[in-house]
Amino acid sequence: MTSVLYDVPGPRAILRNRILGVVTIAAVAAVLGFVAYRFAVTGQFSAEKWFVFSFGNVWVNILKALGNTLAAFGAAAVGALVLGFVLAIGRLSEHAAVRVPVTAVTEVFRAVPVLVFMMLMYYGLPTVGVRMEPYWAVVIALVAYNGSVLAEVIRAGVESLPRGQKEAGYAIGLRKSGVMRLILLPQAVRAMLPVIIAQLVVTLKDTALGFIITYPELLYFAKQLTSQPGRPILQSGIVIGAIYIAMCLLLSWLANVVEKRLRRSPSTRGGDGGKPADVLHHPVPPTTDTELIAAQTRAGAHDSGTGRAV
């Protein structure tokens, strides 16, 4: 028995797959059990290690650090998207005077690591008399790097579209800006949306690099917690890591919602109960003699009104 894509496994293959599944589950369970055992042996589950999280002031500070993280991420995400569109359009320009400098800027921004960029702006600029707050150093570094990456993503999405899309836009009288804004970019964004969202998740996680330049985000506060009595190093990492996981899952969920809405068929109308547009605009062919005569009468009246012979 075969399927369209692959051969259906036989009894031996099914047995082998089941054995591999059981072995994999057992291996994962063994690793988790070993980790839990080491935690128990070293006293990581003791109340002393988790005592610091019983204070309300600690959670208030965690929320403040979370707010700082989201503030940096929000500004960096918007700035990276804007910069990505600008650089992508510049790289797609037919004028070498625009394309070559934009390409050079994009490659430089992509080549410099985010942490190096942050340290250069926070520690390097004061040597030339320019001081910058940690917040702006984090945001600008994230915008520069992720914006250059998004520029390549958007450019790849535009160039992957059929050439006929652009030619059709020119055929109906659109200018270059209209073709790009109304035809190419919407389709490119829809096609590359998963990659764009993945890069925004990277932007969210890269905000943790700000703790090196003393930006008070989640990881910076977690480092401060490790100096508390009991030294809850692993506990702080678990709590802060769980917060990051929750934020990334929420962002992925929002991305899936947006992607589903963008991928809806453009021929579907929301107010017509989901009927396709061709069904709505094309009447049902007449089935009875009366309906046929009425249809011919309407057609004859229309033709006589437009000056055509019936």
C-alpha atoms as a PDB file:
ATOM      1  CA  MET A   1       0.000   0.000   0.000  1.00  0.00           C
ATOM      2  CA  THR A   2       1.360   3.374  -0.985  1.00  0.00           C
ATOM      3  CA  SER A   3       0.507   6.997  -0.365  1.00  0.00           C
ATOM      4  CA  VAL A   4       0.948   9.983  -2.633  1.00  0.00           C
ATOM      5  CA  LEU A   5       4.089  11.131  -0.809  1.00  0.00           C
ATOM      6  CA  TYR A   6       5.593   7.985   0.695  1.00  0.00           C
ATOM      7  CA  ASP A   7       5.183   4.242   1.091  1.00  0.00           C
ATOM      8  CA  VAL A   8       2.996   3.251   3.999  1.00  0.00           C
ATOM      9  CA  PRO A   9       5.221   1.454   6.558  1.00  0.00           C
ATOM     10  CA  GLY A  10       4.764  -2.252   6.932  1.00  0.00           C
ATOM     11  CA  PRO A  11       4.588  -4.272  10.164  1.00  0.00           C
ATOM     12  CA  ARG A  12       8.364  -4.255  10.684  1.00  0.00           C
ATOM     13  CA  ALA A  13       8.638  -0.516  10.093  1.00  0.00           C
ATOM     14  CA  ILE A  14       5.730   0.154  12.464  1.00  0.00           C
ATOM     15  CA  LEU A  15       7.363  -1.977  15.145  1.00  0.00           C
ATOM     16  CA  ARG A  16      10.715  -0.243  14.600  1.00  0.00           C
ATOM     17  CA  ASN A  17       9.106   3.205  14.849  1.00  0.00           C
ATOM     18  CA  ARG A  18       7.337   2.243  18.050  1.00  0.00           C
ATOM     19  CA  ILE A  19      10.561   0.958  19.571  1.00  0.00           C
ATOM     20  CA  LEU A  20      12.360   4.169  18.596  1.00  0.00           C
ATOM     21  CA  GLY A  21       9.537   6.211  20.123  1.00  0.00           C
ATOM     22  CA  VAL A  22       9.693   4.285  23.383  1.00  0.00           C
ATOM     23  CA  VAL A  23      13.503   4.591  23.512  1.00  0.00           C
ATOM     24  CA  THR A  24      13.304   8.339  22.850  1.00  0.00           C
ATOM     25  CA  ILE A  25      10.705   8.880  25.556  1.00  0.00           C
ATOM     26  CA  ALA A  26      12.746   6.798  27.987  1.00  0.00           C
ATOM     27  CA  ALA A  27      15.901   8.787  27.192  1.00  0.00           C
ATOM     28  CA  VAL A  28      14.151  12.124  27.691  1.00  0.00           C
ATOM     29  CA  ALA A  29      12.592  10.893  30.922  1.00  0.00           C
ATOM     30  CA  ALA A  30      16.006   9.671  32.115  1.00  0.00           C
ATOM     31  CA  VAL A  31      17.593  13.076  31.429  1.00  0.00           C
ATOM     32  CA  LEU A  32      14.789  14.901  33.225  1.00  0.00           C
ATOM     33  CA  GLY A  33      15.018  12.453  36.103  1.00  0.00           C
ATOM     34  CA  PHE A  34      18.770  12.969  36.394  1.00  0.00           C
ATOM     35  CA  VAL A  35      18.304  16.747  36.426  1.00  0.00           C
ATOM     36  CA  ALA A  36      15.617  16.484  39.104  1.00  0.00           C
ATOM     37  CA  TYR A  37      17.846  14.142  41.115  1.00  0.00           C
ATOM     38  CA  ARG A  38      20.775  16.563  40.975  1.00  0.00           C
ATOM     39  CA  PHE A  39      18.483  19.415  41.974  1.00  0.00           C
ATOM     40  CA  ALA A  40      17.278  17.411  44.954  1.00  0.00           C
ATOM     41  CA  VAL A  41      20.768  16.300  46.014  1.00  0.00           C
ATOM     42  CA  THR A  42      22.178  19.836  45.884  1.00  0.00           C
ATOM     43  CA  GLY A  43      19.183  21.294  47.706  1.00  0.00           C
ATOM     44  CA  GLN A  44      17.813  23.350  44.828  1.00  0.00           C
ATOM     45  CA  PHE A  45      14.245  22.526  45.887  1.00  0.00           C
ATOM     46  CA  SER A  46      14.781  23.725  49.441  1.00  0.00           C
ATOM     47  CA  ALA A  47      12.740  26.632  50.794  1.00  0.00           C
ATOM     48  CA  GLU A  48      15.909  28.633  51.393  1.00  0.00           C
ATOM     49  CA  LYS A  49      16.656  28.740  47.656  1.00  0.00           C
ATOM     50  CA  TRP A  50      13.137  29.924  46.782  1.00  0.00           C
ATOM     51  CA  PHE A  51      12.661  32.158  49.826  1.00  0.00           C
ATOM     52  CA  VAL A  52      13.547  35.333  47.944  1.00  0.00           C
ATOM     53  CA  PHE A  53      10.509  34.908  45.669  1.00  0.00           C
ATOM     54  CA  SER A  54       8.153  35.008  48.644  1.00  0.00           C
ATOM     55  CA  PHE A  55       8.543  38.802  48.907  1.00  0.00           C
ATOM     56  CA  GLY A  56       6.099  40.998  47.061  1.00  0.00           C
ATOM     57  CA  ASN A  57       8.751  43.639  46.426  1.00  0.00           C
ATOM     58  CA  VAL A  58      10.744  41.119  44.395  1.00  0.00           C
ATOM     59  CA  TRP A  59       7.811  40.499  42.082  1.00  0.00           C
ATOM     60  CA  VAL A  60       7.208  44.238  41.762  1.00  0.00           C
ATOM     61  CA  ASN A  61      10.802  44.660  40.622  1.00  0.00           C
ATOM     62  CA  ILE A  62      10.415  41.711  38.236  1.00  0.00           C
ATOM     63  CA  LEU A  63       7.399  43.443  36.707  1.00  0.00           C
ATOM     64  CA  LYS A  64       9.403  46.665  36.369  1.00  0.00           C
ATOM     65  CA  ALA A  65      12.208  44.766  34.664  1.00  0.00           C
ATOM     66  CA  LEU A  66       9.634  43.088  32.420  1.00  0.00           C
ATOM     67  CA  GLY A  67       8.288  46.518  31.514  1.00  0.00           C
ATOM     68  CA  ASN A  68      11.791  47.676  30.606  1.00  0.00           C
ATOM     69  CA  THR A  69      12.279  44.588  28.459  1.00  0.00           C
ATOM     70  CA  LEU A  70       8.988  45.120  26.640  1.00  0.00           C
ATOM     71  CA  ALA A  71       9.734  48.841  26.212  1.00  0.00           C
ATOM     72  CA  ALA A  72      13.040  48.092  24.518  1.00  0.00           C
ATOM     73  CA  PHE A  73      11.504  45.314  22.437  1.00  0.00           C
ATOM     74  CA  GLY A  74       8.529  47.410  21.309  1.00  0.00           C
ATOM     75  CA  ALA A  75      10.682  50.309  20.141  1.00  0.00           C
ATOM     76  CA  ALA A  76      13.237  47.966  18.546  1.00  0.00           C
ATOM     77  CA  ALA A  77      10.558  45.917  16.749  1.00  0.00           C
ATOM     78  CA  VAL A  78       8.878  48.975  15.230  1.00  0.00           C
ATOM     79  CA  GLY A  79      12.220  50.548  14.305  1.00  0.00           C
ATOM     80  CA  ALA A  80      13.531  47.300  12.803  1.00  0.00           C
ATOM     81  CA  LEU A  81      10.427  46.880  10.652  1.00  0.00           C
ATOM     82  CA  VAL A  82      10.613  50.456   9.400  1.00  0.00           C
ATOM     83  CA  LEU A  83      14.345  50.215   8.727  1.00  0.00           C
ATOM     84  CA  GLY A  84      13.872  46.831   7.083  1.00  0.00           C
ATOM     85  CA  PHE A  85      11.298  48.188   4.624  1.00  0.00           C
ATOM     86  CA  VAL A  86      13.458  51.240   3.850  1.00  0.00           C
ATOM     87  CA  LEU A  87      16.611  49.186   3.244  1.00  0.00           C
ATOM     88  CA  ALA A  88      14.721  46.569   1.230  1.00  0.00           C
ATOM     89  CA  ILE A  89      13.214  49.200  -1.056  1.00  0.00           C
ATOM     90  CA  GLY A  90      16.633  50.799  -1.411  1.00  0.00           C
ATOM     91  CA  ARG A  91      18.241  47.490  -2.345  1.00  0.00           C
ATOM     92  CA  LEU A  92      15.520  46.884  -4.931  1.00  0.00           C
ATOM     93  CA  SER A  93      16.076  50.277  -6.535  1.00  0.00           C
ATOM     94  CA  GLU A  94      17.087  50.363 -10.178  1.00  0.00           C
ATOM     95  CA  HIS A  95      19.393  53.321  -9.534  1.00  0.00           C
ATOM     96  CA  ALA A  96      22.941  52.324  -8.588  1.00  0.00           C
ATOM     97  CA  ALA A  97      23.424  55.577  -6.659  1.00  0.00           C
ATOM     98  CA  VAL A  98      20.751  54.370  -4.223  1.00  0.00           C
ATOM     99  CA  ARG A  99      21.241  50.605  -4.375  1.00  0.00           C
ATOM    100  CA  VAL A 100      25.011  50.465  -3.768  1.00  0.00           C
ATOM    101  CA  PRO A 101      25.137  52.616  -0.571  1.00  0.00           C
ATOM    102  CA  VAL A 102      22.062  50.901   0.869  1.00  0.00           C
ATOM    103  CA  THR A 103      23.618  47.501   0.158  1.00  0.00           C
ATOM    104  CA  ALA A 104      26.829  48.546   1.909  1.00  0.00           C
ATOM    105  CA  VAL A 105      24.933  49.814   4.968  1.00  0.00           C
ATOM    106  CA  THR A 106      22.869  46.624   5.136  1.00  0.00           C
ATOM    107  CA  GLU A 107      25.909  44.370   4.969  1.00  0.00           C
ATOM    108  CA  VAL A 108      27.745  46.365   7.658  1.00  0.00           C
ATOM    109  CA  PHE A 109      24.768  46.286  10.032  1.00  0.00           C
ATOM    110  CA  ARG A 110      24.382  42.540   9.509  1.00  0.00           C
ATOM    111  CA  ALA A 111      28.087  41.868  10.065  1.00  0.00           C
ATOM    112  CA  VAL A 112      28.424  43.676  13.414  1.00  0.00           C
ATOM    113  CA  PRO A 113      27.188  41.557  16.374  1.00  0.00           C
ATOM    114  CA  VAL A 114      24.437  43.122  18.478  1.00  0.00           C
ATOM    115  CA  LEU A 115      26.508  43.039  21.677  1.00  0.00           C
ATOM    116  CA  VAL A 116      29.466  44.722  19.986  1.00  0.00           C
ATOM    117  CA  PHE A 117      27.113  47.381  18.650  1.00  0.00           C
ATOM    118  CA  MET A 118      25.707  48.015  22.138  1.00  0.00           C
ATOM    119  CA  MET A 119      29.136  48.268  23.731  1.00  0.00           C
ATOM    120  CA  LEU A 120      30.428  50.595  21.029  1.00  0.00           C
ATOM    121  CA  MET A 121      27.556  53.014  21.581  1.00  0.00           C
ATOM    122  CA  TYR A 122      27.525  52.833  25.373  1.00  0.00           C
ATOM    123  CA  TYR A 123      31.240  52.610  26.119  1.00  0.00           C
ATOM    124  CA  GLY A 124      32.767  53.884  22.876  1.00  0.00           C
ATOM    125  CA  LEU A 125      30.783  57.045  22.149  1.00  0.00           C
ATOM    126  CA  PRO A 126      31.750  58.742  25.463  1.00  0.00           C
ATOM    127  CA  THR A 127      35.356  58.758  24.252  1.00  0.00           C
ATOM    128  CA  VAL A 128      34.302  61.200  21.508  1.00  0.00           C
ATOM    129  CA  GLY A 129      32.138  63.276  23.846  1.00  0.00           C
ATOM    130  CA  VAL A 130      28.765  61.610  23.192  1.00  0.00           C
ATOM    131  CA  ARG A 131      26.965  59.948  26.069  1.00  0.00           C
ATOM    132  CA  MET A 132      24.050  57.609  25.483  1.00  0.00           C
ATOM    133  CA  GLU A 133      21.548  56.068  27.882  1.00  0.00           C
ATOM    134  CA  PRO A 134      21.542  52.258  28.106  1.00  0.00           C
ATOM    135  CA  TYR A 135      17.981  52.149  26.786  1.00  0.00           C
ATOM    136  CA  TRP A 136      18.874  53.905  23.542  1.00  0.00           C
ATOM    137  CA  ALA A 137      22.045  51.882  23.126  1.00  0.00           C
ATOM    138  CA  VAL A 138      19.992  48.678  23.349  1.00  0.00           C
ATOM    139  CA  VAL A 139      17.236  49.920  21.033  1.00  0.00           C
ATOM    140  CA  ILE A 140      19.527  51.355  18.362  1.00  0.00           C
ATOM    141  CA  ALA A 141      21.701  48.226  18.288  1.00  0.00           C
ATOM    142  CA  LEU A 142      18.650  45.983  17.952  1.00  0.00           C
ATOM    143  CA  VAL A 143      17.131  48.203  15.266  1.00  0.00           C
ATOM    144  CA  ALA A 144      20.339  48.297  13.229  1.00  0.00           C
ATOM    145  CA  TYR A 145      20.967  44.545  13.280  1.00  0.00           C
ATOM    146  CA  ASN A 146      17.419  43.210  13.022  1.00  0.00           C
ATOM    147  CA  GLY A 147      16.423  45.891  10.520  1.00  0.00           C
ATOM    148  CA  SER A 148      19.210  44.793   8.174  1.00  0.00           C
ATOM    149  CA  VAL A 149      18.162  41.149   8.533  1.00  0.00           C
ATOM    150  CA  LEU A 150      14.512  41.998   7.878  1.00  0.00           C
ATOM    151  CA  ALA A 151      15.584  44.000   4.825  1.00  0.00           C
ATOM    152  CA  GLU A 152      17.072  40.855   3.305  1.00  0.00           C
ATOM    153  CA  VAL A 153      13.950  38.880   4.223  1.00  0.00           C
ATOM    154  CA  ILE A 154      11.627  41.394   2.577  1.00  0.00           C
ATOM    155  CA  ARG A 155      13.881  41.719  -0.479  1.00  0.00           C
ATOM    156  CA  ALA A 156      13.912  37.949  -0.896  1.00  0.00           C
ATOM    157  CA  GLY A 157      10.115  37.896  -0.609  1.00  0.00           C
ATOM    158  CA  VAL A 158       9.714  40.544  -3.310  1.00  0.00           C
ATOM    159  CA  GLU A 159      12.190  38.892  -5.672  1.00  0.00           C
ATOM    160  CA  SER A 160      10.489  35.510  -5.230  1.00  0.00           C
ATOM    161  CA  LEU A 161       7.238  36.850  -6.715  1.00  0.00           C
ATOM    162  CA  PRO A 162       6.496  36.091 -10.378  1.00  0.00           C
ATOM    163  CA  ARG A 163       7.665  38.784 -12.786  1.00  0.00           C
ATOM    164  CA  GLY A 164       4.156  39.027 -14.156  1.00  0.00           C
ATOM    165  CA  GLN A 165       2.985  40.686 -10.948  1.00  0.00           C
ATOM    166  CA  LYS A 166       5.144  43.732 -11.614  1.00  0.00           C
ATOM    167  CA  GLU A 167       4.328  43.804 -15.310  1.00  0.00           C
ATOM    168  CA  ALA A 168       0.614  43.626 -14.587  1.00  0.00           C
ATOM    169  CA  GLY A 169       0.927  46.622 -12.289  1.00  0.00           C
ATOM    170  CA  TYR A 170       2.673  48.646 -14.989  1.00  0.00           C
ATOM    171  CA  ALA A 171       0.070  47.502 -17.516  1.00  0.00           C
ATOM    172  CA  ILE A 172      -2.782  49.080 -15.540  1.00  0.00           C
ATOM    173  CA  GLY A 173      -0.912  52.379 -15.294  1.00  0.00           C
ATOM    174  CA  LEU A 174       0.732  52.195 -11.858  1.00  0.00           C
ATOM    175  CA  ARG A 175       4.046  53.901 -11.185  1.00  0.00           C
ATOM    176  CA  LYS A 176       7.011  52.142  -9.597  1.00  0.00           C
ATOM    177  CA  SER A 177       5.987  53.302  -6.129  1.00  0.00           C
ATOM    178  CA  GLY A 178       2.428  52.106  -6.665  1.00  0.00           C
ATOM    179  CA  VAL A 179       3.536  48.707  -7.919  1.00  0.00           C
ATOM    180  CA  MET A 180       5.817  48.282  -4.919  1.00  0.00           C
ATOM    181  CA  ARG A 181       3.318  49.575  -2.343  1.00  0.00           C
ATOM    182  CA  LEU A 182       0.108  48.025  -3.667  1.00  0.00           C
ATOM    183  CA  ILE A 183       1.237  44.801  -5.353  1.00  0.00           C
ATOM    184  CA  LEU A 184       4.687  43.557  -4.419  1.00  0.00           C
ATOM    185  CA  LEU A 185       5.159  44.441  -0.742  1.00  0.00           C
ATOM    186  CA  PRO A 186       1.797  43.078   0.493  1.00  0.00           C
ATOM    187  CA  GLN A 187       2.431  39.727  -1.188  1.00  0.00           C
ATOM    188  CA  ALA A 188       6.037  39.602   0.002  1.00  0.00           C
ATOM    189  CA  VAL A 189       5.068  40.330   3.602  1.00  0.00           C
ATOM    190  CA  ARG A 190       2.357  37.682   3.486  1.00  0.00           C
ATOM    191  CA  ALA A 191       4.779  35.098   2.124  1.00  0.00           C
ATOM    192  CA  MET A 192       7.626  35.937   4.518  1.00  0.00           C
ATOM    193  CA  LEU A 193       5.525  36.586   7.622  1.00  0.00           C
ATOM    194  CA  PRO A 194       6.753  33.471   9.507  1.00  0.00           C
ATOM    195  CA  VAL A 195      10.377  34.538   8.974  1.00  0.00           C
ATOM    196  CA  ILE A 196       9.595  38.111  10.027  1.00  0.00           C
ATOM    197  CA  ILE A 197       7.930  36.921  13.237  1.00  0.00           C
ATOM    198  CA  ALA A 198      10.852  34.588  13.942  1.00  0.00           C
ATOM    199  CA  GLN A 199      13.236  37.531  13.650  1.00  0.00           C
ATOM    200  CA  LEU A 200      11.071  39.570  16.024  1.00  0.00           C
ATOM    201  CA  VAL A 201      11.307  36.712  18.533  1.00  0.00           C
ATOM    202  CA  VAL A 202      15.092  36.948  18.187  1.00  0.00           C
ATOM    203  CA  THR A 203      14.798  40.693  18.836  1.00  0.00           C
ATOM    204  CA  LEU A 204      12.845  40.000  22.012  1.00  0.00           C
ATOM    205  CA  LYS A 205      15.454  37.574  23.306  1.00  0.00           C
ATOM    206  CA  ASP A 206      18.362  39.824  22.351  1.00  0.00           C
ATOM    207  CA  THR A 207      17.100  42.493  24.758  1.00  0.00           C
ATOM    208  CA  ALA A 208      18.728  40.329  27.448  1.00  0.00           C
ATOM    209  CA  LEU A 209      22.126  41.469  26.149  1.00  0.00           C
ATOM    210  CA  GLY A 210      21.368  44.874  27.618  1.00  0.00           C
ATOM    211  CA  PHE A 211      22.334  43.678  31.104  1.00  0.00           C
ATOM    212  CA  ILE A 212      25.997  43.950  30.068  1.00  0.00           C
ATOM    213  CA  ILE A 213      25.624  47.720  29.647  1.00  0.00           C
ATOM    214  CA  THR A 214      23.580  47.966  32.890  1.00  0.00           C
ATOM    215  CA  TYR A 215      20.162  48.267  31.261  1.00  0.00           C
ATOM    216  CA  PRO A 216      17.702  47.187  34.012  1.00  0.00           C
ATOM    217  CA  GLU A 217      15.842  44.469  32.126  1.00  0.00           C
ATOM    218  CA  LEU A 218      14.910  40.950  33.259  1.00  0.00           C
ATOM    219  CA  LEU A 219      18.335  39.352  33.088  1.00  0.00           C
ATOM    220  CA  TYR A 220      19.920  42.323  34.872  1.00  0.00           C
ATOM    221  CA  PHE A 221      17.496  41.922  37.769  1.00  0.00           C
ATOM    222  CA  ALA A 222      18.016  38.153  37.789  1.00  0.00           C
ATOM    223  CA  LYS A 223      21.736  38.774  38.208  1.00  0.00           C
ATOM    224  CA  GLN A 224      20.973  41.001  41.195  1.00  0.00           C
ATOM    225  CA  LEU A 225      18.842  38.255  42.749  1.00  0.00           C
ATOM    226  CA  THR A 226      21.744  35.824  42.659  1.00  0.00           C
ATOM    227  CA  SER A 227      23.529  37.906  45.320  1.00  0.00           C
ATOM    228  CA  GLN A 228      20.675  37.433  47.796  1.00  0.00           C
ATOM    229  CA  PRO A 229      20.964  34.995  50.763  1.00  0.00           C
ATOM    230  CA  GLY A 230      20.963  31.407  49.564  1.00  0.00           C
ATOM    231  CA  ARG A 231      22.327  32.464  46.138  1.00  0.00           C
ATOM    232  CA  PRO A 232      19.273  31.403  44.079  1.00  0.00           C
ATOM    233  CA  ILE A 233      21.158  31.221  40.784  1.00  0.00           C
ATOM    234  CA  LEU A 234      19.228  28.394  39.169  1.00  0.00           C
ATOM    235  CA  GLN A 235      15.948  29.581  40.680  1.00  0.00           C
ATOM    236  CA  SER A 236      16.366  33.058  39.201  1.00  0.00           C
ATOM    237  CA  GLY A 237      17.229  31.558  35.835  1.00  0.00           C
ATOM    238  CA  ILE A 238      14.176  29.299  35.937  1.00  0.00           C
ATOM    239  CA  VAL A 239      11.786  32.131  36.814  1.00  0.00           C
ATOM    240  CA  ILE A 240      13.191  34.611  34.302  1.00  0.00           C
ATOM    241  CA  GLY A 241      13.489  31.909  31.643  1.00  0.00           C
ATOM    242  CA  ALA A 242       9.843  30.982  32.165  1.00  0.00           C
ATOM    243  CA  ILE A 243       8.878  34.623  31.622  1.00  0.00           C
ATOM    244  CA  TYR A 244      10.841  34.745  28.369  1.00  0.00           C
ATOM    245  CA  ILE A 245       9.243  31.483  27.218  1.00  0.00           C
ATOM    246  CA  ALA A 246       5.772  32.865  27.966  1.00  0.00           C
ATOM    247  CA  MET A 247       6.490  36.060  26.007  1.00  0.00           C
ATOM    248  CA  CYS A 248       7.839  34.149  23.015  1.00  0.00           C
ATOM    249  CA  LEU A 249       4.843  31.805  23.006  1.00  0.00           C
ATOM    250  CA  LEU A 250       2.487  34.774  23.174  1.00  0.00           C
ATOM    251  CA  LEU A 251       4.282  36.461  20.287  1.00  0.00           C
ATOM    252  CA  SER A 252       4.144  33.239  18.259  1.00  0.00           C
ATOM    253  CA  TRP A 253       0.420  32.916  18.969  1.00  0.00           C
ATOM    254  CA  LEU A 254      -0.219  36.476  17.821  1.00  0.00           C
ATOM    255  CA  ALA A 255       1.833  35.749  14.712  1.00  0.00           C
ATOM    256  CA  ASN A 256      -0.289  32.701  13.915  1.00  0.00           C
ATOM    257  CA  VAL A 257      -3.465  34.747  14.302  1.00  0.00           C
ATOM    258  CA  VAL A 258      -2.161  37.456  11.968  1.00  0.00           C
ATOM    259  CA  GLU A 259      -0.916  34.882   9.472  1.00  0.00           C
ATOM    260  CA  LYS A 260      -4.299  33.130   9.328  1.00  0.00           C
ATOM    261  CA  ARG A 261      -6.071  36.415   8.689  1.00  0.00           C
ATOM    262  CA  LEU A 262      -3.625  37.418   5.984  1.00  0.00           C
ATOM    263  CA  ARG A 263      -3.876  34.037   4.286  1.00  0.00           C
ATOM    264  CA  ARG A 264      -7.638  34.132   3.956  1.00  0.00           C
ATOM    265  CA  SER A 265      -8.803  33.943   0.378  1.00  0.00           C
ATOM    266  CA  PRO A 266      -9.336  37.448  -1.031  1.00  0.00           C
ATOM    267  CA  SER A 267     -12.435  36.135  -2.839  1.00  0.00           C
ATOM    268  CA  THR A 268     -14.163  35.441   0.474  1.00  0.00           C
ATOM    269  CA  ARG A 269     -16.450  38.125   1.862  1.00  0.00           C
ATOM    270  CA  GLY A 270     -16.971  38.297   5.575  1.00  0.00           C
ATOM    271  CA  GLY A 271     -20.441  39.819   5.412  1.00  0.00           C
ATOM    272  CA  ASP A 272     -21.820  37.280   2.930  1.00  0.00           C
ATOM    273  CA  GLY A 273     -21.499  34.214   5.085  1.00  0.00           C
ATOM    274  CA  GLY A 274     -18.221  33.137   3.506  1.00  0.00           C
ATOM    275  CA  LYS A 275     -19.599  32.734  -0.026  1.00  0.00           C
ATOM    276  CA  PRO A 276     -16.993  33.027  -2.750  1.00  0.00           C
ATOM    277  CA  ALA A 277     -17.075  36.188  -4.815  1.00  0.00           C
ATOM    278  CA  ASP A 278     -17.636  34.336  -8.093  1.00  0.00           C
ATOM    279  CA  VAL A 279     -20.773  32.744  -6.670  1.00  0.00           C
ATOM    280  CA  LEU A 280     -22.020  36.106  -5.469  1.00  0.00           C
ATOM    281  CA  HIS A 281     -21.468  37.897  -8.777  1.00  0.00           C
ATOM    282  CA  HIS A 282     -22.505  35.170 -11.192  1.00  0.00           C
ATOM    283  CA  PRO A 283     -26.202  34.278 -11.122  1.00  0.00           C
ATOM    284  CA  VAL A 284     -27.417  30.702 -11.163  1.00  0.00           C
ATOM    285  CA  PRO A 285     -28.215  29.573 -14.736  1.00  0.00           C
ATOM    286  CA  PRO A 286     -31.966  29.419 -15.461  1.00  0.00           C
ATOM    287  CA  THR A 287     -33.425  25.962 -15.152  1.00  0.00           C
ATOM    288  CA  THR A 288     -37.069  26.461 -16.189  1.00  0.00           C
ATOM    289  CA  ASP A 289     -38.630  27.799 -19.401  1.00  0.00           C
ATOM    290  CA  THR A 290     -40.032  30.824 -17.580  1.00  0.00           C
ATOM    291  CA  GLU A 291     -36.662  31.730 -16.140  1.00  0.00           C
ATOM    292  CA  LEU A 292     -35.025  31.215 -19.549  1.00  0.00           C
ATOM    293  CA  ILE A 293     -37.499  33.565 -21.272  1.00  0.00           C
ATOM    294  CA  ALA A 294     -37.030  36.180 -18.543  1.00  0.00           C
ATOM    295  CA  ALA A 295     -33.273  35.969 -18.872  1.00  0.00           C
ATOM    296  CA  GLN A 296     -33.429  36.348 -22.656  1.00  0.00           C
ATOM    297  CA  THR A 297     -35.744  39.338 -22.266  1.00  0.00           C
ATOM    298  CA  ARG A 298     -33.336  41.050 -19.869  1.00  0.00           C
ATOM    299  CA  ALA A 299     -30.417  40.327 -22.183  1.00  0.00           C
ATOM    300  CA  GLY A 300     -32.307  41.738 -25.180  1.00  0.00           C
ATOM    301  CA  ALA A 301     -33.214  44.893 -23.290  1.00  0.00           C
ATOM    302  CA  HIS A 302     -29.589  45.352 -22.232  1.00  0.00           C
ATOM    303  CA  ASP A 303     -28.297  44.796 -25.775  1.00  0.00           C
ATOM    304  CA  SER A 304     -30.831  47.176 -27.320  1.00  0.00           C
ATOM    305  CA  GLY A 305     -29.931  49.806 -24.720  1.00  0.00           C
ATOM    306  CA  THR A 306     -26.267  49.635 -25.622  1.00  0.00           C
ATOM    307  CA  GLY A 307     -26.939  49.838 -29.321  1.00  0.00           C
ATOM    308  CA  ARG A 308     -25.999  46.241 -30.108  1.00  0.00           C
ATOM    309  CA  ALA A 309     -28.091  43.959 -32.272  1.00  0.00           C
ATOM    310  CA  VAL A 310     -29.722  41.027 -30.636  1.00  0.00           C
END
